Amino acid sequence: MKSILNSFLLIFTIFIISCSPAGSSFSPNPDPIIPAEISTGTGMFIFTMNDIDFEVFYHVPSSYTASSKVVFAMHGGGRDAEGVRNYMINISNQYNFIVVAPKVSSSDFSLGDGYILGNVYVDGDNPSTNTLKNENEWSFSIIEPIFDSINISLSLMNEKYNLFGYSAGGQFVQRFLLFKPNARFDKVVIGAAGWFTVPDYTTPFPYGLNNSILMSTNINSLLMKNLFIQVGALDNDPNSYNLRHNEYADAQGLNRVTRAMYFYNFAQSISESNNYNFNWSLHILPEVGHNFGPLAENACDLMFN
């Protein structure tokens, strides 16, 4: 009887832990870690997690070493991970980093809830404890295990990776910082994001932290991250395709330029008011619109120079 009771308590404890919203600091890894089918050159491998097959496009420079950096490059709403990888091949060779572009497919993850909001909630615009998904279902949760898998395959020694996201990918990356605060990222570039989750406890999620598991966010720690916010100076069309407009999004501005400025200035104001260390920077690229190429080149310049 005692053994039955102990088994029940163990199962109950595991259940409680798995359902806890505090899991936002946990970074799941496959056990055992499966080495990625990756080698020097350009290619694609399939990484399976939670019964979902992710296409992962990559380029490994011929001159890479064990200390080469991995850079995750997150695609926009068009889901063109292969195009992202292709554009970054020459830059990868130039800086000798390994570019990894996972495809978060529209068939498995919708643009709104599934991708830019990380698949954390069933309905990210109306978050609740009842609709919070298990962390291994989050699209955010694919980054860390892919990193482990690549590290093993290429015998890498670098313990951290860089992150760059463009457009919808910029939104993915921005919220990845919030939901995965203990992930092993180093430098992060948010490129041309349509709107932001501002580090504000009073504004409701997904525009702020209120009414979500992000209420426990350590803002001081967040503001110390190596974060670059970039946008093209000509990315100022309020009617740009798929640019969200409502009361909360428009409070950040009416276009991507003003929203990037709002996000940066809001964080800087918090830092100054609380005497926090502030390690973010804002980069507005002259004569650039909503264009992946110039932002990708600038992102790599920011990360490696």
C-alpha atoms as a PDB file:
ATOM      1  CA  MET A   1       0.000   0.000   0.000  1.00  0.00           C
ATOM      2  CA  LYS A   2       2.839   2.343   0.871  1.00  0.00           C
ATOM      3  CA  SER A   3       4.513   1.748  -2.513  1.00  0.00           C
ATOM      4  CA  ILE A   4       1.248   2.485  -4.303  1.00  0.00           C
ATOM      5  CA  LEU A   5       0.877   5.720  -2.348  1.00  0.00           C
ATOM      6  CA  ASN A   6       4.462   6.749  -3.149  1.00  0.00           C
ATOM      7  CA  SER A   7       3.881   6.061  -6.851  1.00  0.00           C
ATOM      8  CA  PHE A   8       0.748   8.178  -6.793  1.00  0.00           C
ATOM      9  CA  LEU A   9       2.575  11.064  -5.110  1.00  0.00           C
ATOM     10  CA  LEU A  10       5.364  10.887  -7.666  1.00  0.00           C
ATOM     11  CA  ILE A  11       2.924  10.943 -10.588  1.00  0.00           C
ATOM     12  CA  PHE A  12       0.946  13.784  -8.993  1.00  0.00           C
ATOM     13  CA  THR A  13       4.126  15.819  -8.429  1.00  0.00           C
ATOM     14  CA  ILE A  14       5.210  15.356 -12.046  1.00  0.00           C
ATOM     15  CA  PHE A  15       1.742  16.433 -13.195  1.00  0.00           C
ATOM     16  CA  ILE A  16       1.823  19.599 -11.094  1.00  0.00           C
ATOM     17  CA  ILE A  17       5.309  20.530 -12.322  1.00  0.00           C
ATOM     18  CA  SER A  18       4.363  19.948 -15.953  1.00  0.00           C
ATOM     19  CA  CYS A  19       1.317  22.209 -15.637  1.00  0.00           C
ATOM     20  CA  SER A  20       3.067  25.020 -13.781  1.00  0.00           C
ATOM     21  CA  PRO A  21       3.148  28.389 -15.587  1.00  0.00           C
ATOM     22  CA  ALA A  22       6.551  28.956 -13.983  1.00  0.00           C
ATOM     23  CA  GLY A  23       7.915  26.637 -16.664  1.00  0.00           C
ATOM     24  CA  SER A  24       8.742  29.645 -18.833  1.00  0.00           C
ATOM     25  CA  SER A  25      12.356  29.434 -17.630  1.00  0.00           C
ATOM     26  CA  PHE A  26      12.707  25.789 -18.643  1.00  0.00           C
ATOM     27  CA  SER A  27      14.457  24.904 -21.896  1.00  0.00           C
ATOM     28  CA  PRO A  28      13.527  21.355 -22.902  1.00  0.00           C
ATOM     29  CA  ASN A  29      16.063  19.151 -24.629  1.00  0.00           C
ATOM     30  CA  PRO A  30      15.492  15.781 -26.261  1.00  0.00           C
ATOM     31  CA  ASP A  31      16.748  12.883 -24.198  1.00  0.00           C
ATOM     32  CA  PRO A  32      18.970  11.563 -25.570  1.00  0.00           C
ATOM     33  CA  ILE A  33      20.096  14.391 -27.855  1.00  0.00           C
ATOM     34  CA  ILE A  34      19.933  13.245 -31.470  1.00  0.00           C
ATOM     35  CA  PRO A  35      22.846  14.544 -33.595  1.00  0.00           C
ATOM     36  CA  ALA A  36      21.710  16.670 -36.525  1.00  0.00           C
ATOM     37  CA  GLU A  37      22.408  15.456 -40.043  1.00  0.00           C
ATOM     38  CA  ILE A  38      24.612  18.435 -40.762  1.00  0.00           C
ATOM     39  CA  SER A  39      28.066  18.800 -42.300  1.00  0.00           C
ATOM     40  CA  THR A  40      30.264  21.343 -44.037  1.00  0.00           C
ATOM     41  CA  GLY A  41      28.441  23.090 -46.881  1.00  0.00           C
ATOM     42  CA  THR A  42      24.826  23.973 -47.586  1.00  0.00           C
ATOM     43  CA  GLY A  43      21.851  21.760 -46.896  1.00  0.00           C
ATOM     44  CA  MET A  44      18.732  20.914 -44.916  1.00  0.00           C
ATOM     45  CA  PHE A  45      17.943  18.356 -42.259  1.00  0.00           C
ATOM     46  CA  ILE A  46      14.737  17.310 -40.522  1.00  0.00           C
ATOM     47  CA  PHE A  47      14.464  17.823 -36.797  1.00  0.00           C
ATOM     48  CA  THR A  48      11.500  16.100 -35.160  1.00  0.00           C
ATOM     49  CA  MET A  49      10.003  17.400 -31.948  1.00  0.00           C
ATOM     50  CA  ASN A  50       6.590  16.662 -30.481  1.00  0.00           C
ATOM     51  CA  ASP A  51       5.757  14.592 -33.588  1.00  0.00           C
ATOM     52  CA  ILE A  52       6.323  17.651 -35.814  1.00  0.00           C
ATOM     53  CA  ASP A  53       8.984  17.557 -38.513  1.00  0.00           C
ATOM     54  CA  PHE A  54      10.855  20.860 -38.783  1.00  0.00           C
ATOM     55  CA  GLU A  55      12.878  21.597 -41.909  1.00  0.00           C
ATOM     56  CA  VAL A  56      16.133  23.188 -40.787  1.00  0.00           C
ATOM     57  CA  PHE A  57      18.151  24.927 -43.501  1.00  0.00           C
ATOM     58  CA  TYR A  58      21.813  25.567 -42.807  1.00  0.00           C
ATOM     59  CA  HIS A  59      25.189  26.606 -44.141  1.00  0.00           C
ATOM     60  CA  VAL A  60      28.461  25.571 -42.524  1.00  0.00           C
ATOM     61  CA  PRO A  61      31.530  27.429 -43.869  1.00  0.00           C
ATOM     62  CA  SER A  62      34.380  25.215 -44.982  1.00  0.00           C
ATOM     63  CA  SER A  63      36.652  27.145 -42.615  1.00  0.00           C
ATOM     64  CA  TYR A  64      34.486  26.687 -39.541  1.00  0.00           C
ATOM     65  CA  THR A  65      36.155  25.662 -36.286  1.00  0.00           C
ATOM     66  CA  ALA A  66      34.974  24.322 -32.952  1.00  0.00           C
ATOM     67  CA  SER A  67      34.696  27.913 -31.720  1.00  0.00           C
ATOM     68  CA  SER A  68      32.507  29.130 -34.628  1.00  0.00           C
ATOM     69  CA  LYS A  69      29.247  30.778 -33.598  1.00  0.00           C
ATOM     70  CA  VAL A  70      25.813  29.434 -34.483  1.00  0.00           C
ATOM     71  CA  VAL A  71      23.402  32.115 -35.719  1.00  0.00           C
ATOM     72  CA  PHE A  72      19.708  31.280 -35.827  1.00  0.00           C
ATOM     73  CA  ALA A  73      17.967  33.295 -38.555  1.00  0.00           C
ATOM     74  CA  MET A  74      14.178  33.344 -38.213  1.00  0.00           C
ATOM     75  CA  HIS A  75      12.113  33.895 -41.350  1.00  0.00           C
ATOM     76  CA  GLY A  76       9.228  36.308 -41.855  1.00  0.00           C
ATOM     77  CA  GLY A  77       5.557  35.529 -42.370  1.00  0.00           C
ATOM     78  CA  GLY A  78       6.268  34.073 -45.816  1.00  0.00           C
ATOM     79  CA  ARG A  79       8.011  31.136 -44.057  1.00  0.00           C
ATOM     80  CA  ASP A  80      10.886  31.204 -46.558  1.00  0.00           C
ATOM     81  CA  ALA A  81      13.558  29.674 -44.346  1.00  0.00           C
ATOM     82  CA  GLU A  82      15.430  28.385 -47.381  1.00  0.00           C
ATOM     83  CA  GLY A  83      15.580  31.888 -48.882  1.00  0.00           C
ATOM     84  CA  VAL A  84      16.833  33.274 -45.573  1.00  0.00           C
ATOM     85  CA  ARG A  85      19.603  30.675 -45.499  1.00  0.00           C
ATOM     86  CA  ASN A  86      20.510  31.275 -49.146  1.00  0.00           C
ATOM     87  CA  TYR A  87      20.892  35.024 -48.666  1.00  0.00           C
ATOM     88  CA  MET A  88      23.105  34.568 -45.630  1.00  0.00           C
ATOM     89  CA  ILE A  89      25.553  32.072 -47.164  1.00  0.00           C
ATOM     90  CA  ASN A  90      28.079  34.713 -48.246  1.00  0.00           C
ATOM     91  CA  ILE A  91      27.789  36.570 -44.940  1.00  0.00           C
ATOM     92  CA  SER A  92      28.260  33.278 -43.117  1.00  0.00           C
ATOM     93  CA  ASN A  93      31.461  32.651 -45.038  1.00  0.00           C
ATOM     94  CA  GLN A  94      32.644  36.199 -44.403  1.00  0.00           C
ATOM     95  CA  TYR A  95      32.269  36.022 -40.614  1.00  0.00           C
ATOM     96  CA  ASN A  96      32.797  32.240 -40.368  1.00  0.00           C
ATOM     97  CA  PHE A  97      29.578  31.545 -38.475  1.00  0.00           C
ATOM     98  CA  ILE A  98      27.112  28.694 -38.959  1.00  0.00           C
ATOM     99  CA  VAL A  99      23.722  29.934 -40.147  1.00  0.00           C
ATOM    100  CA  VAL A 100      20.697  27.901 -39.084  1.00  0.00           C
ATOM    101  CA  ALA A 101      17.240  28.774 -40.433  1.00  0.00           C
ATOM    102  CA  PRO A 102      14.439  26.597 -39.022  1.00  0.00           C
ATOM    103  CA  LYS A 103      11.125  26.651 -40.869  1.00  0.00           C
ATOM    104  CA  VAL A 104       8.138  27.137 -38.579  1.00  0.00           C
ATOM    105  CA  SER A 105       5.515  25.949 -41.044  1.00  0.00           C
ATOM    106  CA  SER A 106       2.077  27.517 -41.403  1.00  0.00           C
ATOM    107  CA  SER A 107       0.511  24.045 -41.461  1.00  0.00           C
ATOM    108  CA  ASP A 108       1.719  23.402 -37.909  1.00  0.00           C
ATOM    109  CA  PHE A 109       1.879  26.946 -36.504  1.00  0.00           C
ATOM    110  CA  SER A 110      -0.420  29.819 -37.443  1.00  0.00           C
ATOM    111  CA  LEU A 111       1.188  33.208 -38.054  1.00  0.00           C
ATOM    112  CA  GLY A 112      -0.348  34.858 -34.991  1.00  0.00           C
ATOM    113  CA  ASP A 113      -0.698  32.440 -32.101  1.00  0.00           C
ATOM    114  CA  GLY A 114       1.627  29.763 -33.449  1.00  0.00           C
ATOM    115  CA  TYR A 115       4.611  31.767 -34.669  1.00  0.00           C
ATOM    116  CA  ILE A 116       4.905  35.367 -33.509  1.00  0.00           C
ATOM    117  CA  LEU A 117       3.382  34.506 -30.114  1.00  0.00           C
ATOM    118  CA  GLY A 118       5.292  31.250 -29.833  1.00  0.00           C
ATOM    119  CA  ASN A 119       2.335  28.861 -29.589  1.00  0.00           C
ATOM    120  CA  VAL A 120       2.310  29.510 -25.842  1.00  0.00           C
ATOM    121  CA  TYR A 121      -1.457  29.947 -25.602  1.00  0.00           C
ATOM    122  CA  VAL A 122      -4.346  28.501 -27.566  1.00  0.00           C
ATOM    123  CA  ASP A 123      -5.392  32.113 -28.155  1.00  0.00           C
ATOM    124  CA  GLY A 124      -2.543  34.524 -27.492  1.00  0.00           C
ATOM    125  CA  ASP A 125      -4.827  37.550 -27.640  1.00  0.00           C
ATOM    126  CA  ASN A 126      -6.868  36.103 -24.775  1.00  0.00           C
ATOM    127  CA  PRO A 127      -4.376  34.313 -22.528  1.00  0.00           C
ATOM    128  CA  SER A 128      -5.529  32.255 -19.553  1.00  0.00           C
ATOM    129  CA  THR A 129      -4.149  29.524 -17.327  1.00  0.00           C
ATOM    130  CA  ASN A 130      -6.664  27.111 -18.850  1.00  0.00           C
ATOM    131  CA  THR A 131      -5.393  27.735 -22.389  1.00  0.00           C
ATOM    132  CA  LEU A 132      -1.661  27.748 -21.552  1.00  0.00           C
ATOM    133  CA  LYS A 133       0.046  24.989 -23.530  1.00  0.00           C
ATOM    134  CA  ASN A 134       2.769  22.662 -22.327  1.00  0.00           C
ATOM    135  CA  GLU A 135       6.162  24.203 -22.946  1.00  0.00           C
ATOM    136  CA  ASN A 136       7.280  21.431 -25.288  1.00  0.00           C
ATOM    137  CA  GLU A 137       4.462  22.527 -27.629  1.00  0.00           C
ATOM    138  CA  TRP A 138       5.742  26.091 -27.915  1.00  0.00           C
ATOM    139  CA  SER A 139       7.385  27.001 -31.204  1.00  0.00           C
ATOM    140  CA  PHE A 140       9.907  28.834 -29.006  1.00  0.00           C
ATOM    141  CA  SER A 141      10.999  25.447 -27.657  1.00  0.00           C
ATOM    142  CA  ILE A 142      12.563  24.264 -30.913  1.00  0.00           C
ATOM    143  CA  ILE A 143      15.646  26.518 -30.719  1.00  0.00           C
ATOM    144  CA  GLU A 144      17.525  25.024 -27.782  1.00  0.00           C
ATOM    145  CA  PRO A 145      17.320  21.345 -28.807  1.00  0.00           C
ATOM    146  CA  ILE A 146      18.365  22.179 -32.383  1.00  0.00           C
ATOM    147  CA  PHE A 147      21.367  24.017 -30.935  1.00  0.00           C
ATOM    148  CA  ASP A 148      22.323  20.982 -28.848  1.00  0.00           C
ATOM    149  CA  SER A 149      21.872  18.706 -31.826  1.00  0.00           C
ATOM    150  CA  ILE A 150      24.118  20.827 -34.059  1.00  0.00           C
ATOM    151  CA  ASN A 151      26.744  21.245 -31.356  1.00  0.00           C
ATOM    152  CA  ILE A 152      27.138  17.495 -31.046  1.00  0.00           C
ATOM    153  CA  SER A 153      27.260  16.896 -34.790  1.00  0.00           C
ATOM    154  CA  LEU A 154      29.871  19.580 -35.487  1.00  0.00           C
ATOM    155  CA  SER A 155      31.798  19.167 -32.194  1.00  0.00           C
ATOM    156  CA  LEU A 156      31.292  22.842 -31.359  1.00  0.00           C
ATOM    157  CA  MET A 157      32.597  24.332 -28.131  1.00  0.00           C
ATOM    158  CA  ASN A 158      30.700  27.637 -28.170  1.00  0.00           C
ATOM    159  CA  GLU A 159      28.137  27.508 -25.379  1.00  0.00           C
ATOM    160  CA  LYS A 160      25.968  30.327 -26.744  1.00  0.00           C
ATOM    161  CA  TYR A 161      24.309  31.233 -30.039  1.00  0.00           C
ATOM    162  CA  ASN A 162      23.114  34.450 -31.677  1.00  0.00           C
ATOM    163  CA  LEU A 163      19.559  35.121 -32.823  1.00  0.00           C
ATOM    164  CA  PHE A 164      18.295  37.245 -35.715  1.00  0.00           C
ATOM    165  CA  GLY A 165      14.670  37.548 -36.725  1.00  0.00           C
ATOM    166  CA  TYR A 166      13.166  39.505 -39.600  1.00  0.00           C
ATOM    167  CA  SER A 167       9.579  40.869 -39.654  1.00  0.00           C
ATOM    168  CA  ALA A 168       7.399  38.112 -38.140  1.00  0.00           C
ATOM    169  CA  GLY A 169      10.680  36.437 -37.198  1.00  0.00           C
ATOM    170  CA  GLY A 170      11.614  39.621 -35.351  1.00  0.00           C
ATOM    171  CA  GLN A 171       8.463  39.257 -33.288  1.00  0.00           C
ATOM    172  CA  PHE A 172       9.286  35.604 -32.625  1.00  0.00           C
ATOM    173  CA  VAL A 173      12.771  36.552 -31.427  1.00  0.00           C
ATOM    174  CA  GLN A 174      11.512  39.427 -29.273  1.00  0.00           C
ATOM    175  CA  ARG A 175       9.123  37.200 -27.341  1.00  0.00           C
ATOM    176  CA  PHE A 176      11.626  34.356 -27.222  1.00  0.00           C
ATOM    177  CA  LEU A 177      13.683  36.596 -24.913  1.00  0.00           C
ATOM    178  CA  LEU A 178      10.677  36.949 -22.625  1.00  0.00           C
ATOM    179  CA  PHE A 179       9.461  33.360 -22.552  1.00  0.00           C
ATOM    180  CA  LYS A 180      12.919  31.751 -22.586  1.00  0.00           C
ATOM    181  CA  PRO A 181      14.947  34.029 -20.278  1.00  0.00           C
ATOM    182  CA  ASN A 182      17.400  31.263 -19.383  1.00  0.00           C
ATOM    183  CA  ALA A 183      18.053  30.130 -22.947  1.00  0.00           C
ATOM    184  CA  ARG A 184      21.660  30.237 -24.112  1.00  0.00           C
ATOM    185  CA  PHE A 185      21.457  33.190 -26.486  1.00  0.00           C
ATOM    186  CA  ASP A 186      24.213  35.788 -26.618  1.00  0.00           C
ATOM    187  CA  LYS A 187      23.503  38.609 -29.084  1.00  0.00           C
ATOM    188  CA  VAL A 188      19.980  39.122 -30.408  1.00  0.00           C
ATOM    189  CA  VAL A 189      18.775  41.261 -33.312  1.00  0.00           C
ATOM    190  CA  ILE A 190      15.103  42.139 -33.783  1.00  0.00           C
ATOM    191  CA  GLY A 191      14.603  43.237 -37.384  1.00  0.00           C
ATOM    192  CA  ALA A 192      11.559  45.129 -38.708  1.00  0.00           C
ATOM    193  CA  ALA A 193       9.063  43.779 -36.187  1.00  0.00           C
ATOM    194  CA  GLY A 194       5.460  44.784 -36.774  1.00  0.00           C
ATOM    195  CA  TRP A 195       4.666  45.366 -33.086  1.00  0.00           C
ATOM    196  CA  PHE A 196       6.054  44.458 -29.687  1.00  0.00           C
ATOM    197  CA  THR A 197       5.332  42.997 -26.286  1.00  0.00           C
ATOM    198  CA  VAL A 198       6.451  45.934 -24.160  1.00  0.00           C
ATOM    199  CA  PRO A 199       8.018  45.271 -20.715  1.00  0.00           C
ATOM    200  CA  ASP A 200       5.049  46.810 -18.919  1.00  0.00           C
ATOM    201  CA  TYR A 201       3.149  45.046 -16.136  1.00  0.00           C
ATOM    202  CA  THR A 202      -0.008  47.124 -16.660  1.00  0.00           C
ATOM    203  CA  THR A 203      -0.580  46.563 -20.393  1.00  0.00           C
ATOM    204  CA  PRO A 204      -2.349  43.265 -21.221  1.00  0.00           C
ATOM    205  CA  PHE A 205      -0.565  40.523 -23.122  1.00  0.00           C
ATOM    206  CA  PRO A 206       0.376  40.243 -25.956  1.00  0.00           C
ATOM    207  CA  TYR A 207       1.107  44.018 -26.011  1.00  0.00           C
ATOM    208  CA  GLY A 208       2.455  44.013 -22.454  1.00  0.00           C
ATOM    209  CA  LEU A 209       3.074  41.491 -19.679  1.00  0.00           C
ATOM    210  CA  ASN A 210      -0.197  41.689 -17.753  1.00  0.00           C
ATOM    211  CA  ASN A 211      -2.518  38.674 -17.519  1.00  0.00           C
ATOM    212  CA  SER A 212       0.171  36.233 -18.636  1.00  0.00           C
ATOM    213  CA  ILE A 213       2.934  34.077 -17.186  1.00  0.00           C
ATOM    214  CA  LEU A 214       5.262  36.965 -18.071  1.00  0.00           C
ATOM    215  CA  MET A 215       4.131  38.813 -14.935  1.00  0.00           C
ATOM    216  CA  SER A 216       7.148  37.200 -13.252  1.00  0.00           C
ATOM    217  CA  THR A 217       9.563  38.677 -15.816  1.00  0.00           C
ATOM    218  CA  ASN A 218      12.770  40.113 -14.343  1.00  0.00           C
ATOM    219  CA  ILE A 219      12.878  43.372 -16.278  1.00  0.00           C
ATOM    220  CA  ASN A 220      16.266  44.341 -14.887  1.00  0.00           C
ATOM    221  CA  SER A 221      17.743  41.142 -16.310  1.00  0.00           C
ATOM    222  CA  LEU A 222      15.869  41.648 -19.598  1.00  0.00           C
ATOM    223  CA  LEU A 223      17.310  45.118 -20.094  1.00  0.00           C
ATOM    224  CA  MET A 224      20.829  43.761 -19.605  1.00  0.00           C
ATOM    225  CA  LYS A 225      20.584  41.431 -22.629  1.00  0.00           C
ATOM    226  CA  ASN A 226      22.691  42.108 -25.724  1.00  0.00           C
ATOM    227  CA  LEU A 227      19.750  43.309 -27.808  1.00  0.00           C
ATOM    228  CA  PHE A 228      19.801  45.243 -31.079  1.00  0.00           C
ATOM    229  CA  ILE A 229      16.555  46.661 -32.471  1.00  0.00           C
ATOM    230  CA  GLN A 230      16.708  47.546 -36.163  1.00  0.00           C
ATOM    231  CA  VAL A 231      14.298  48.881 -38.762  1.00  0.00           C
ATOM    232  CA  GLY A 232      14.585  50.523 -42.165  1.00  0.00           C
ATOM    233  CA  ALA A 233      13.952  54.273 -42.151  1.00  0.00           C
ATOM    234  CA  LEU A 234      11.569  53.836 -45.099  1.00  0.00           C
ATOM    235  CA  ASP A 235       9.597  51.056 -43.367  1.00  0.00           C
ATOM    236  CA  ASN A 236       7.071  53.703 -42.395  1.00  0.00           C
ATOM    237  CA  ASP A 237       3.935  52.669 -44.295  1.00  0.00           C
ATOM    238  CA  PRO A 238       0.988  52.411 -41.861  1.00  0.00           C
ATOM    239  CA  ASN A 239      -0.848  50.319 -44.451  1.00  0.00           C
ATOM    240  CA  SER A 240       1.939  47.772 -44.877  1.00  0.00           C
ATOM    241  CA  TYR A 241       0.673  44.238 -45.493  1.00  0.00           C
ATOM    242  CA  ASN A 242      -0.116  42.277 -42.316  1.00  0.00           C
ATOM    243  CA  LEU A 243       0.731  45.239 -40.070  1.00  0.00           C
ATOM    244  CA  ARG A 244      -1.586  44.928 -37.068  1.00  0.00           C
ATOM    245  CA  HIS A 245      -3.776  47.896 -36.114  1.00  0.00           C
ATOM    246  CA  ASN A 246      -5.835  48.133 -32.953  1.00  0.00           C
ATOM    247  CA  GLU A 247      -5.913  50.203 -29.779  1.00  0.00           C
ATOM    248  CA  TYR A 248      -2.816  48.611 -28.227  1.00  0.00           C
ATOM    249  CA  ALA A 249      -0.703  48.179 -31.350  1.00  0.00           C
ATOM    250  CA  ASP A 250      -1.386  51.741 -32.482  1.00  0.00           C
ATOM    251  CA  ALA A 251      -0.423  53.050 -29.039  1.00  0.00           C
ATOM    252  CA  GLN A 252       3.105  51.973 -30.055  1.00  0.00           C
ATOM    253  CA  GLY A 253       2.889  53.999 -33.279  1.00  0.00           C
ATOM    254  CA  LEU A 254       1.336  53.596 -36.716  1.00  0.00           C
ATOM    255  CA  ASN A 255       4.265  52.038 -38.571  1.00  0.00           C
ATOM    256  CA  ARG A 256       7.306  49.855 -37.930  1.00  0.00           C
ATOM    257  CA  VAL A 257       9.699  52.777 -37.467  1.00  0.00           C
ATOM    258  CA  THR A 258       7.662  54.526 -34.782  1.00  0.00           C
ATOM    259  CA  ARG A 259       6.913  51.221 -33.059  1.00  0.00           C
ATOM    260  CA  ALA A 260      10.578  50.268 -32.899  1.00  0.00           C
ATOM    261  CA  MET A 261      11.345  53.685 -31.424  1.00  0.00           C
ATOM    262  CA  TYR A 262       8.512  53.334 -28.916  1.00  0.00           C
ATOM    263  CA  PHE A 263       9.727  49.901 -27.774  1.00  0.00           C
ATOM    264  CA  TYR A 264      13.285  51.103 -27.335  1.00  0.00           C
ATOM    265  CA  ASN A 265      12.376  54.401 -25.640  1.00  0.00           C
ATOM    266  CA  PHE A 266       9.939  52.668 -23.260  1.00  0.00           C
ATOM    267  CA  ALA A 267      12.649  50.257 -22.129  1.00  0.00           C
ATOM    268  CA  GLN A 268      15.224  53.015 -21.841  1.00  0.00           C
ATOM    269  CA  SER A 269      12.839  55.036 -19.666  1.00  0.00           C
ATOM    270  CA  ILE A 270      12.352  52.075 -17.320  1.00  0.00           C
ATOM    271  CA  SER A 271      16.107  51.662 -17.106  1.00  0.00           C
ATOM    272  CA  GLU A 272      16.681  55.313 -16.239  1.00  0.00           C
ATOM    273  CA  SER A 273      13.837  55.431 -13.693  1.00  0.00           C
ATOM    274  CA  ASN A 274      15.100  52.353 -11.842  1.00  0.00           C
ATOM    275  CA  ASN A 275      18.835  52.828 -12.398  1.00  0.00           C
ATOM    276  CA  TYR A 276      19.022  49.521 -14.294  1.00  0.00           C
ATOM    277  CA  ASN A 277      21.881  48.621 -16.592  1.00  0.00           C
ATOM    278  CA  PHE A 278      20.676  49.068 -20.177  1.00  0.00           C
ATOM    279  CA  ASN A 279      22.324  47.104 -22.959  1.00  0.00           C
ATOM    280  CA  TRP A 280      19.871  47.643 -25.826  1.00  0.00           C
ATOM    281  CA  SER A 281      20.495  49.754 -28.911  1.00  0.00           C
ATOM    282  CA  LEU A 282      18.293  51.096 -31.707  1.00  0.00           C
ATOM    283  CA  HIS A 283      19.428  51.143 -35.346  1.00  0.00           C
ATOM    284  CA  ILE A 284      17.389  52.914 -38.043  1.00  0.00           C
ATOM    285  CA  LEU A 285      18.865  52.109 -41.445  1.00  0.00           C
ATOM    286  CA  PRO A 286      18.718  55.042 -43.881  1.00  0.00           C
ATOM    287  CA  GLU A 287      17.134  54.503 -47.306  1.00  0.00           C
ATOM    288  CA  VAL A 288      15.977  50.983 -46.370  1.00  0.00           C
ATOM    289  CA  GLY A 289      12.379  49.797 -46.463  1.00  0.00           C
ATOM    290  CA  HIS A 290      10.863  46.476 -45.418  1.00  0.00           C
ATOM    291  CA  ASN A 291      13.682  44.510 -46.994  1.00  0.00           C
ATOM    292  CA  PHE A 292      15.364  41.402 -45.591  1.00  0.00           C
ATOM    293  CA  GLY A 293      18.743  41.752 -47.309  1.00  0.00           C
ATOM    294  CA  PRO A 294      20.017  45.051 -45.864  1.00  0.00           C
ATOM    295  CA  LEU A 295      18.745  44.126 -42.410  1.00  0.00           C
ATOM    296  CA  ALA A 296      20.449  40.719 -42.498  1.00  0.00           C
ATOM    297  CA  GLU A 297      23.751  42.307 -43.499  1.00  0.00           C
ATOM    298  CA  ASN A 298      23.428  44.962 -40.813  1.00  0.00           C
ATOM    299  CA  ALA A 299      22.442  42.333 -38.225  1.00  0.00           C
ATOM    300  CA  CYS A 300      25.634  40.364 -38.867  1.00  0.00           C
ATOM    301  CA  ASP A 301      27.680  43.562 -38.736  1.00  0.00           C
ATOM    302  CA  LEU A 302      26.146  44.331 -35.336  1.00  0.00           C
ATOM    303  CA  MET A 303      26.755  40.818 -34.044  1.00  0.00           C
ATOM    304  CA  PHE A 304      30.345  40.377 -35.252  1.00  0.00           C
ATOM    305  CA  ASN A 305      31.886  43.870 -35.363  1.00  0.00           C
END
